[in-house]
Amino acid sequence: MKKWIPILIFAGILLSGPMSTSGRAASWSGVDETVIEKFAEKAGRPAREPFINTDQGDLLLFVFLLAGAVGGFAAGYWFRVLFPPRRKNADGSTVS
C-alpha cells in the first residue's frame, strides 16, 4: 500500500497541472504584442498581414513535412559522409 502513495501523488500533480493553468494562460501576452509591436508602432511600421499566412489550415504542418522529407532524403543520401564507418586495427580493435 505504501508503494502506491507516491505514484498517486505524482499522478495527481501531473493531472492537476493542465487543469489549473487554463485560466491564466489567456492573461499573458507574448513578446510580439508587448515589446516588438510597441517599438514598430513608434518607428511608424504598424503590423500588416504576412505574405504567406501559415496560420490557415495545415499549411505549417505541410511545410514541416516537406522539410523533414528533404532533410531525411539528404541524410540518407549522404549517410556514409555523415557517419563514416569505423576503421579496425590489425589486432581487431576499432580506431576512434
PDB file of N, CA and C in Angstrom:
ATOM      1  N   MET A   1       0.809  -1.194   0.000  1.00  0.00           N
ATOM      2  CA  MET A   1       0.000   0.000   0.000  1.00  0.00           C
ATOM      3  C   MET A   1       0.854   1.261   0.000  1.00  0.00           C
ATOM      4  N   LYS A   2       1.992   1.213   0.696  1.00  0.00           N
ATOM      5  CA  LYS A   2       2.832   2.407   0.785  1.00  0.00           C
ATOM      6  C   LYS A   2       3.512   2.722  -0.541  1.00  0.00           C
ATOM      7  N   LYS A   3       3.646   1.718  -1.419  1.00  0.00           N
ATOM      8  CA  LYS A   3       4.244   1.971  -2.722  1.00  0.00           C
ATOM      9  C   LYS A   3       3.327   2.808  -3.606  1.00  0.00           C
ATOM     10  N   TRP A   4       2.027   2.705  -3.405  1.00  0.00           N
ATOM     11  CA  TRP A   4       1.070   3.394  -4.253  1.00  0.00           C
ATOM     12  C   TRP A   4       0.916   4.866  -3.915  1.00  0.00           C
ATOM     13  N   ILE A   5       1.266   5.264  -2.713  1.00  0.00           N
ATOM     14  CA  ILE A   5       1.067   6.653  -2.298  1.00  0.00           C
ATOM     15  C   ILE A   5       1.901   7.622  -3.141  1.00  0.00           C
ATOM     16  N   PRO A   6       3.226   7.416  -3.340  1.00  0.00           N
ATOM     17  CA  PRO A   6       3.976   8.347  -4.198  1.00  0.00           C
ATOM     18  C   PRO A   6       3.494   8.337  -5.646  1.00  0.00           C
ATOM     19  N   ILE A   7       3.072   7.176  -6.124  1.00  0.00           N
ATOM     20  CA  ILE A   7       2.576   7.095  -7.503  1.00  0.00           C
ATOM     21  C   ILE A   7       1.286   7.904  -7.642  1.00  0.00           C
ATOM     22  N   LEU A   8       0.384   7.776  -6.685  1.00  0.00           N
ATOM     23  CA  LEU A   8      -0.866   8.542  -6.739  1.00  0.00           C
ATOM     24  C   LEU A   8      -0.634  10.038  -6.595  1.00  0.00           C
ATOM     25  N   ILE A   9       0.310  10.428  -5.737  1.00  0.00           N
ATOM     26  CA  ILE A   9       0.630  11.857  -5.588  1.00  0.00           C
ATOM     27  C   ILE A   9       1.212  12.403  -6.881  1.00  0.00           C
ATOM     28  N   PHE A  10       2.130  11.653  -7.498  1.00  0.00           N
ATOM     29  CA  PHE A  10       2.751  12.085  -8.753  1.00  0.00           C
ATOM     30  C   PHE A  10       1.702  12.183  -9.863  1.00  0.00           C
ATOM     31  N   ALA A  11       0.807  11.189  -9.944  1.00  0.00           N
ATOM     32  CA  ALA A  11      -0.250  11.228 -10.961  1.00  0.00           C
ATOM     33  C   ALA A  11      -1.194  12.404 -10.713  1.00  0.00           C
ATOM     34  N   GLY A  12      -1.491  12.695  -9.448  1.00  0.00           N
ATOM     35  CA  GLY A  12      -2.346  13.835  -9.144  1.00  0.00           C
ATOM     36  C   GLY A  12      -1.724  15.154  -9.547  1.00  0.00           C
ATOM     37  N   ILE A  13      -0.423  15.291  -9.320  1.00  0.00           N
ATOM     38  CA  ILE A  13       0.269  16.521  -9.725  1.00  0.00           C
ATOM     39  C   ILE A  13       0.258  16.666 -11.240  1.00  0.00           C
ATOM     40  N   LEU A  14       0.528  15.560 -11.939  1.00  0.00           N
ATOM     41  CA  LEU A  14       0.534  15.611 -13.404  1.00  0.00           C
ATOM     42  C   LEU A  14      -0.837  15.947 -13.968  1.00  0.00           C
ATOM     43  N   LEU A  15      -1.871  15.400 -13.382  1.00  0.00           N
ATOM     44  CA  LEU A  15      -3.216  15.646 -13.897  1.00  0.00           C
ATOM     45  C   LEU A  15      -3.771  17.005 -13.495  1.00  0.00           C
ATOM     46  N   SER A  16      -3.346  17.535 -12.359  1.00  0.00           N
ATOM     47  CA  SER A  16      -3.880  18.825 -11.928  1.00  0.00           C
ATOM     48  C   SER A  16      -3.175  20.006 -12.599  1.00  0.00           C
ATOM     49  N   GLY A  17      -2.011  19.815 -13.138  1.00  0.00           N
ATOM     50  CA  GLY A  17      -1.270  20.905 -13.774  1.00  0.00           C
ATOM     51  C   GLY A  17      -1.990  21.528 -14.952  1.00  0.00           C
ATOM     52  N   PRO A  18      -2.369  20.749 -15.971  1.00  0.00           N
ATOM     53  CA  PRO A  18      -3.060  21.342 -17.119  1.00  0.00           C
ATOM     54  C   PRO A  18      -4.420  21.923 -16.784  1.00  0.00           C
ATOM     55  N   MET A  19      -5.087  21.388 -15.780  1.00  0.00           N
ATOM     56  CA  MET A  19      -6.415  21.893 -15.437  1.00  0.00           C
ATOM     57  C   MET A  19      -6.350  23.252 -14.746  1.00  0.00           C
ATOM     58  N   SER A  20      -5.282  23.535 -14.045  1.00  0.00           N
ATOM     59  CA  SER A  20      -5.233  24.769 -13.261  1.00  0.00           C
ATOM     60  C   SER A  20      -4.692  25.964 -14.039  1.00  0.00           C
ATOM     61  N   THR A  21      -4.013  25.765 -15.147  1.00  0.00           N
ATOM     62  CA  THR A  21      -3.389  26.882 -15.854  1.00  0.00           C
ATOM     63  C   THR A  21      -4.220  27.423 -17.007  1.00  0.00           C
ATOM     64  N   SER A  22      -5.351  26.835 -17.311  1.00  0.00           N
ATOM     65  CA  SER A  22      -6.106  27.286 -18.482  1.00  0.00           C
ATOM     66  C   SER A  22      -6.636  28.713 -18.310  1.00  0.00           C
ATOM     67  N   GLY A  23      -6.992  29.134 -17.110  1.00  0.00           N
ATOM     68  CA  GLY A  23      -7.493  30.482 -16.896  1.00  0.00           C
ATOM     69  C   GLY A  23      -6.398  31.525 -16.942  1.00  0.00           C
ATOM     70  N   ARG A  24      -5.202  31.167 -16.546  1.00  0.00           N
ATOM     71  CA  ARG A  24      -4.102  32.132 -16.510  1.00  0.00           C
ATOM     72  C   ARG A  24      -3.420  32.300 -17.867  1.00  0.00           C
ATOM     73  N   ALA A  25      -3.514  31.331 -18.729  1.00  0.00           N
ATOM     74  CA  ALA A  25      -2.793  31.371 -19.997  1.00  0.00           C
ATOM     75  C   ALA A  25      -3.258  32.534 -20.869  1.00  0.00           C
ATOM     76  N   ALA A  26      -4.519  32.886 -20.807  1.00  0.00           N
ATOM     77  CA  ALA A  26      -5.042  33.950 -21.658  1.00  0.00           C
ATOM     78  C   ALA A  26      -4.616  35.337 -21.178  1.00  0.00           C
ATOM     79  N   SER A  27      -4.252  35.486 -19.917  1.00  0.00           N
ATOM     80  CA  SER A  27      -3.921  36.804 -19.401  1.00  0.00           C
ATOM     81  C   SER A  27      -2.497  37.241 -19.771  1.00  0.00           C
ATOM     82  N   TRP A  28      -1.639  36.321 -20.155  1.00  0.00           N
ATOM     83  CA  TRP A  28      -0.270  36.666 -20.525  1.00  0.00           C
ATOM     84  C   TRP A  28      -0.196  36.983 -22.009  1.00  0.00           C
ATOM     85  N   SER A  29       0.379  38.121 -22.345  1.00  0.00           N
ATOM     86  CA  SER A  29       0.574  38.444 -23.752  1.00  0.00           C
ATOM     87  C   SER A  29       2.008  38.103 -24.135  1.00  0.00           C
ATOM     88  N   GLY A  30       2.209  37.826 -25.398  1.00  0.00           N
ATOM     89  CA  GLY A  30       3.518  37.405 -25.872  1.00  0.00           C
ATOM     90  C   GLY A  30       4.466  38.569 -26.073  1.00  0.00           C
ATOM     91  N   VAL A  31       5.698  38.242 -26.407  1.00  0.00           N
ATOM     92  CA  VAL A  31       6.729  39.255 -26.645  1.00  0.00           C
ATOM     93  C   VAL A  31       6.367  40.102 -27.862  1.00  0.00           C
ATOM     94  N   ASP A  32       5.767  39.472 -28.870  1.00  0.00           N
ATOM     95  CA  ASP A  32       5.384  40.217 -30.069  1.00  0.00           C
ATOM     96  C   ASP A  32       4.433  41.351 -29.738  1.00  0.00           C
ATOM     97  N   GLU A  33       3.460  41.062 -28.898  1.00  0.00           N
ATOM     98  CA  GLU A  33       2.454  42.076 -28.583  1.00  0.00           C
ATOM     99  C   GLU A  33       2.980  43.155 -27.650  1.00  0.00           C
ATOM    100  N   THR A  34       3.794  42.789 -26.668  1.00  0.00           N
ATOM    101  CA  THR A  34       4.194  43.763 -25.657  1.00  0.00           C
ATOM    102  C   THR A  34       5.422  44.574 -26.049  1.00  0.00           C
ATOM    103  N   VAL A  35       6.364  43.975 -26.734  1.00  0.00           N
ATOM    104  CA  VAL A  35       7.625  44.669 -26.992  1.00  0.00           C
ATOM    105  C   VAL A  35       7.771  45.053 -28.457  1.00  0.00           C
ATOM    106  N   ILE A  36       7.691  44.090 -29.336  1.00  0.00           N
ATOM    107  CA  ILE A  36       8.004  44.340 -30.747  1.00  0.00           C
ATOM    108  C   ILE A  36       6.982  45.265 -31.386  1.00  0.00           C
ATOM    109  N   GLU A  37       5.688  45.027 -31.134  1.00  0.00           N
ATOM    110  CA  GLU A  37       4.672  45.892 -31.734  1.00  0.00           C
ATOM    111  C   GLU A  37       4.774  47.324 -31.230  1.00  0.00           C
ATOM    112  N   LYS A  38       5.153  47.496 -29.960  1.00  0.00           N
ATOM    113  CA  LYS A  38       5.280  48.847 -29.406  1.00  0.00           C
ATOM    114  C   LYS A  38       6.399  49.616 -30.122  1.00  0.00           C
ATOM    115  N   PHE A  39       7.556  48.972 -30.295  1.00  0.00           N
ATOM    116  CA  PHE A  39       8.662  49.649 -30.976  1.00  0.00           C
ATOM    117  C   PHE A  39       8.384  49.836 -32.461  1.00  0.00           C
ATOM    118  N   ALA A  40       7.674  48.902 -33.082  1.00  0.00           N
ATOM    119  CA  ALA A  40       7.337  49.047 -34.501  1.00  0.00           C
ATOM    120  C   ALA A  40       6.369  50.213 -34.710  1.00  0.00           C
ATOM    121  N   GLU A  41       5.422  50.368 -33.812  1.00  0.00           N
ATOM    122  CA  GLU A  41       4.480  51.488 -33.935  1.00  0.00           C
ATOM    123  C   GLU A  41       5.191  52.823 -33.745  1.00  0.00           C
ATOM    124  N   LYS A  42       6.156  52.883 -32.806  1.00  0.00           N
ATOM    125  CA  LYS A  42       6.915  54.125 -32.608  1.00  0.00           C
ATOM    126  C   LYS A  42       7.747  54.465 -33.838  1.00  0.00           C
ATOM    127  N   ALA A  43       8.224  53.448 -34.540  1.00  0.00           N
ATOM    128  CA  ALA A  43       9.035  53.671 -35.734  1.00  0.00           C
ATOM    129  C   ALA A  43       8.183  53.926 -36.968  1.00  0.00           C
ATOM    130  N   GLY A  44       6.871  53.854 -36.834  1.00  0.00           N
ATOM    131  CA  GLY A  44       5.992  54.127 -37.964  1.00  0.00           C
ATOM    132  C   GLY A  44       5.767  52.923 -38.854  1.00  0.00           C
ATOM    133  N   ARG A  45       5.979  51.712 -38.346  1.00  0.00           N
ATOM    134  CA  ARG A  45       5.787  50.489 -39.118  1.00  0.00           C
ATOM    135  C   ARG A  45       4.736  49.618 -38.433  1.00  0.00           C
ATOM    136  N   PRO A  46       3.453  49.895 -38.616  1.00  0.00           N
ATOM    137  CA  PRO A  46       2.422  49.082 -37.951  1.00  0.00           C
ATOM    138  C   PRO A  46       2.394  47.658 -38.521  1.00  0.00           C
ATOM    139  N   ALA A  47       1.737  46.778 -37.800  1.00  0.00           N
ATOM    140  CA  ALA A  47       1.642  45.379 -38.216  1.00  0.00           C
ATOM    141  C   ALA A  47       0.823  45.260 -39.494  1.00  0.00           C
ATOM    142  N   ARG A  48       1.168  44.285 -40.306  1.00  0.00           N
ATOM    143  CA  ARG A  48       0.438  44.021 -41.539  1.00  0.00           C
ATOM    144  C   ARG A  48       0.265  42.515 -41.685  1.00  0.00           C
ATOM    145  N   GLU A  49      -0.528  42.117 -42.643  1.00  0.00           N
ATOM    146  CA  GLU A  49      -0.738  40.697 -42.909  1.00  0.00           C
ATOM    147  C   GLU A  49       0.524  40.094 -43.520  1.00  0.00           C
ATOM    148  N   PRO A  50       0.888  38.868 -43.164  1.00  0.00           N
ATOM    149  CA  PRO A  50       2.067  38.245 -43.757  1.00  0.00           C
ATOM    150  C   PRO A  50       1.816  37.866 -45.216  1.00  0.00           C
ATOM    151  N   PHE A  51       2.881  37.725 -45.989  1.00  0.00           N
ATOM    152  CA  PHE A  51       2.751  37.335 -47.391  1.00  0.00           C
ATOM    153  C   PHE A  51       2.168  35.931 -47.512  1.00  0.00           C
ATOM    154  N   ILE A  52       2.690  35.001 -46.730  1.00  0.00           N
ATOM    155  CA  ILE A  52       2.183  33.636 -46.700  1.00  0.00           C
ATOM    156  C   ILE A  52       1.686  33.378 -45.284  1.00  0.00           C
ATOM    157  N   ASN A  53       0.396  33.289 -45.118  1.00  0.00           N
ATOM    158  CA  ASN A  53      -0.194  33.110 -43.799  1.00  0.00           C
ATOM    159  C   ASN A  53      -0.218  31.622 -43.462  1.00  0.00           C
ATOM    160  N   THR A  54       0.684  31.193 -42.585  1.00  0.00           N
ATOM    161  CA  THR A  54       0.772  29.777 -42.233  1.00  0.00           C
ATOM    162  C   THR A  54      -0.194  29.401 -41.123  1.00  0.00           C
ATOM    163  N   ASP A  55      -0.997  30.330 -40.635  1.00  0.00           N
ATOM    164  CA  ASP A  55      -1.968  30.017 -39.595  1.00  0.00           C
ATOM    165  C   ASP A  55      -3.233  29.405 -40.160  1.00  0.00           C
ATOM    166  N   GLN A  56      -3.375  29.374 -41.461  1.00  0.00           N
ATOM    167  CA  GLN A  56      -4.590  28.851 -42.073  1.00  0.00           C
ATOM    168  C   GLN A  56      -4.430  27.365 -42.354  1.00  0.00           C
ATOM    169  N   GLY A  57      -5.323  26.566 -41.822  1.00  0.00           N
ATOM    170  CA  GLY A  57      -5.347  25.141 -42.119  1.00  0.00           C
ATOM    171  C   GLY A  57      -4.084  24.424 -41.678  1.00  0.00           C
ATOM    172  N   ASP A  58      -3.642  23.502 -42.509  1.00  0.00           N
ATOM    173  CA  ASP A  58      -2.487  22.674 -42.202  1.00  0.00           C
ATOM    174  C   ASP A  58      -1.268  23.069 -43.025  1.00  0.00           C
ATOM    175  N   LEU A  59      -1.172  24.313 -43.442  1.00  0.00           N
ATOM    176  CA  LEU A  59      -0.049  24.738 -44.277  1.00  0.00           C
ATOM    177  C   LEU A  59       1.272  24.633 -43.530  1.00  0.00           C
ATOM    178  N   LEU A  60       1.306  25.049 -42.272  1.00  0.00           N
ATOM    179  CA  LEU A  60       2.539  24.960 -41.499  1.00  0.00           C
ATOM    180  C   LEU A  60       2.951  23.503 -41.291  1.00  0.00           C
ATOM    181  N   LEU A  61       1.994  22.622 -41.045  1.00  0.00           N
ATOM    182  CA  LEU A  61       2.281  21.196 -40.912  1.00  0.00           C
ATOM    183  C   LEU A  61       2.845  20.634 -42.213  1.00  0.00           C
ATOM    184  N   PHE A  62       2.301  21.053 -43.349  1.00  0.00           N
ATOM    185  CA  PHE A  62       2.794  20.601 -44.643  1.00  0.00           C
ATOM    186  C   PHE A  62       4.215  21.096 -44.900  1.00  0.00           C
ATOM    187  N   VAL A  63       4.524  22.319 -44.493  1.00  0.00           N
ATOM    188  CA  VAL A  63       5.885  22.847 -44.660  1.00  0.00           C
ATOM    189  C   VAL A  63       6.872  22.038 -43.832  1.00  0.00           C
ATOM    190  N   PHE A  64       6.522  21.702 -42.590  1.00  0.00           N
ATOM    191  CA  PHE A  64       7.393  20.875 -41.768  1.00  0.00           C
ATOM    192  C   PHE A  64       7.542  19.473 -42.353  1.00  0.00           C
ATOM    193  N   LEU A  65       6.478  18.930 -42.943  1.00  0.00           N
ATOM    194  CA  LEU A  65       6.559  17.626 -43.588  1.00  0.00           C
ATOM    195  C   LEU A  65       7.543  17.657 -44.752  1.00  0.00           C
ATOM    196  N   LEU A  66       7.467  18.693 -45.583  1.00  0.00           N
ATOM    197  CA  LEU A  66       8.397  18.807 -46.704  1.00  0.00           C
ATOM    198  C   LEU A  66       9.841  18.973 -46.229  1.00  0.00           C
ATOM    199  N   ALA A  67      10.048  19.793 -45.201  1.00  0.00           N
ATOM    200  CA  ALA A  67      11.397  19.992 -44.683  1.00  0.00           C
ATOM    201  C   ALA A  67      11.953  18.693 -44.098  1.00  0.00           C
ATOM    202  N   GLY A  68      11.132  17.924 -43.406  1.00  0.00           N
ATOM    203  CA  GLY A  68      11.575  16.642 -42.871  1.00  0.00           C
ATOM    204  C   GLY A  68      11.885  15.639 -43.961  1.00  0.00           C
ATOM    205  N   ALA A  69      11.083  15.627 -45.023  1.00  0.00           N
ATOM    206  CA  ALA A  69      11.334  14.713 -46.136  1.00  0.00           C
ATOM    207  C   ALA A  69      12.627  15.068 -46.858  1.00  0.00           C
ATOM    208  N   VAL A  70      12.848  16.341 -47.099  1.00  0.00           N
ATOM    209  CA  VAL A  70      14.092  16.760 -47.771  1.00  0.00           C
ATOM    210  C   VAL A  70      15.294  16.478 -46.878  1.00  0.00           C
ATOM    211  N   GLY A  71      15.186  16.786 -45.588  1.00  0.00           N
ATOM    212  CA  GLY A  71      16.290  16.511 -44.664  1.00  0.00           C
ATOM    213  C   GLY A  71      16.562  15.021 -44.525  1.00  0.00           C
ATOM    214  N   GLY A  72      15.519  14.207 -44.474  1.00  0.00           N
ATOM    215  CA  GLY A  72      15.694  12.762 -44.394  1.00  0.00           C
ATOM    216  C   GLY A  72      16.307  12.189 -45.647  1.00  0.00           C
ATOM    217  N   PHE A  73      15.890  12.692 -46.809  1.00  0.00           N
ATOM    218  CA  PHE A  73      16.491  12.230 -48.061  1.00  0.00           C
ATOM    219  C   PHE A  73      17.971  12.596 -48.126  1.00  0.00           C
ATOM    220  N   ALA A  74      18.304  13.836 -47.735  1.00  0.00           N
ATOM    221  CA  ALA A  74      19.705  14.267 -47.764  1.00  0.00           C
ATOM    222  C   ALA A  74      20.547  13.466 -46.773  1.00  0.00           C
ATOM    223  N   ALA A  75      20.022  13.219 -45.567  1.00  0.00           N
ATOM    224  CA  ALA A  75      20.774  12.436 -44.584  1.00  0.00           C
ATOM    225  C   ALA A  75      20.963  11.002 -45.057  1.00  0.00           C
ATOM    226  N   GLY A  76      19.960  10.431 -45.714  1.00  0.00           N
ATOM    227  CA  GLY A  76      20.093   9.076 -46.237  1.00  0.00           C
ATOM    228  C   GLY A  76      21.051   8.998 -47.409  1.00  0.00           C
ATOM    229  N   TYR A  77      21.014  10.012 -48.258  1.00  0.00           N
ATOM    230  CA  TYR A  77      21.880  10.012 -49.439  1.00  0.00           C
ATOM    231  C   TYR A  77      23.348  10.157 -49.045  1.00  0.00           C
ATOM    232  N   TRP A  78      23.622  11.020 -48.076  1.00  0.00           N
ATOM    233  CA  TRP A  78      24.995  11.251 -47.640  1.00  0.00           C
ATOM    234  C   TRP A  78      25.290  10.595 -46.290  1.00  0.00           C
ATOM    235  N   PHE A  79      24.674   9.417 -46.030  1.00  0.00           N
ATOM    236  CA  PHE A  79      24.837   8.740 -44.748  1.00  0.00           C
ATOM    237  C   PHE A  79      26.296   8.385 -44.478  1.00  0.00           C
ATOM    238  N   ARG A  80      26.994   7.874 -45.468  1.00  0.00           N
ATOM    239  CA  ARG A  80      28.398   7.462 -45.280  1.00  0.00           C
ATOM    240  C   ARG A  80      29.317   8.651 -45.037  1.00  0.00           C
ATOM    241  N   VAL A  81      28.961   9.813 -45.567  1.00  0.00           N
ATOM    242  CA  VAL A  81      29.774  11.003 -45.319  1.00  0.00           C
ATOM    243  C   VAL A  81      29.500  11.532 -43.907  1.00  0.00           C
ATOM    244  N   LEU A  82      28.228  11.499 -43.494  1.00  0.00           N
ATOM    245  CA  LEU A  82      27.873  11.992 -42.170  1.00  0.00           C
ATOM    246  C   LEU A  82      28.366  11.071 -41.063  1.00  0.00           C
ATOM    247  N   PHE A  83      28.254   9.760 -41.277  1.00  0.00           N
ATOM    248  CA  PHE A  83      28.651   8.765 -40.275  1.00  0.00           C
ATOM    249  C   PHE A  83      29.600   7.763 -40.919  1.00  0.00           C
ATOM    250  N   PRO A  84      30.886   8.101 -41.005  1.00  0.00           N
ATOM    251  CA  PRO A  84      31.821   7.189 -41.668  1.00  0.00           C
ATOM    252  C   PRO A  84      31.992   5.898 -40.863  1.00  0.00           C
ATOM    253  N   PRO A  85      32.239   4.779 -41.557  1.00  0.00           N
ATOM    254  CA  PRO A  85      32.440   3.527 -40.833  1.00  0.00           C
ATOM    255  C   PRO A  85      33.742   3.571 -40.040  1.00  0.00           C
ATOM    256  N   ARG A  86      33.746   2.878 -38.903  1.00  0.00           N
ATOM    257  CA  ARG A  86      34.948   2.872 -38.060  1.00  0.00           C
ATOM    258  C   ARG A  86      35.977   1.925 -38.654  1.00  0.00           C
ATOM    259  N   ARG A  87      37.214   2.381 -38.638  1.00  0.00           N
ATOM    260  CA  ARG A  87      38.312   1.536 -39.129  1.00  0.00           C
ATOM    261  C   ARG A  87      38.775   0.611 -38.016  1.00  0.00           C
ATOM    262  N   LYS A  88      39.277  -0.547 -38.412  1.00  0.00           N
ATOM    263  CA  LYS A  88      39.771  -1.502 -37.436  1.00  0.00           C
ATOM    264  C   LYS A  88      41.277  -1.625 -37.575  1.00  0.00           C
ATOM    265  N   ASN A  89      41.956  -1.806 -36.442  1.00  0.00           N
ATOM    266  CA  ASN A  89      43.395  -2.049 -36.434  1.00  0.00           C
ATOM    267  C   ASN A  89      43.671  -3.497 -36.818  1.00  0.00           C
ATOM    268  N   ALA A  90      44.934  -3.808 -36.933  1.00  0.00           N
ATOM    269  CA  ALA A  90      45.336  -5.173 -37.266  1.00  0.00           C
ATOM    270  C   ALA A  90      44.928  -6.158 -36.184  1.00  0.00           C
ATOM    271  N   ASP A  91      44.873  -5.714 -34.938  1.00  0.00           N
ATOM    272  CA  ASP A  91      44.501  -6.610 -33.838  1.00  0.00           C
ATOM    273  C   ASP A  91      42.981  -6.721 -33.667  1.00  0.00           C
ATOM    274  N   GLY A  92      42.182  -6.028 -34.468  1.00  0.00           N
ATOM    275  CA  GLY A  92      40.733  -6.138 -34.413  1.00  0.00           C
ATOM    276  C   GLY A  92      40.043  -5.061 -33.620  1.00  0.00           C
ATOM    277  N   SER A  93      40.799  -4.185 -32.936  1.00  0.00           N
ATOM    278  CA  SER A  93      40.184  -3.111 -32.159  1.00  0.00           C
ATOM    279  C   SER A  93      39.853  -1.946 -33.086  1.00  0.00           C
ATOM    280  N   THR A  94      38.864  -1.139 -32.689  1.00  0.00           N
ATOM    281  CA  THR A  94      38.422  -0.012 -33.516  1.00  0.00           C
ATOM    282  C   THR A  94      39.244   1.225 -33.207  1.00  0.00           C
ATOM    283  N   VAL A  95      39.435   2.058 -34.214  1.00  0.00           N
ATOM    284  CA  VAL A  95      40.168   3.314 -34.076  1.00  0.00           C
ATOM    285  C   VAL A  95      39.159   4.427 -33.906  1.00  0.00           C
ATOM    286  N   SER A  96      39.365   5.319 -32.964  1.00  0.00           N
ATOM    287  CA  SER A  96      38.442   6.436 -32.740  1.00  0.00           C
ATOM    288  C   SER A  96      38.633   7.513 -33.773  1.00  0.00           C
TER     289      SER A  96
END
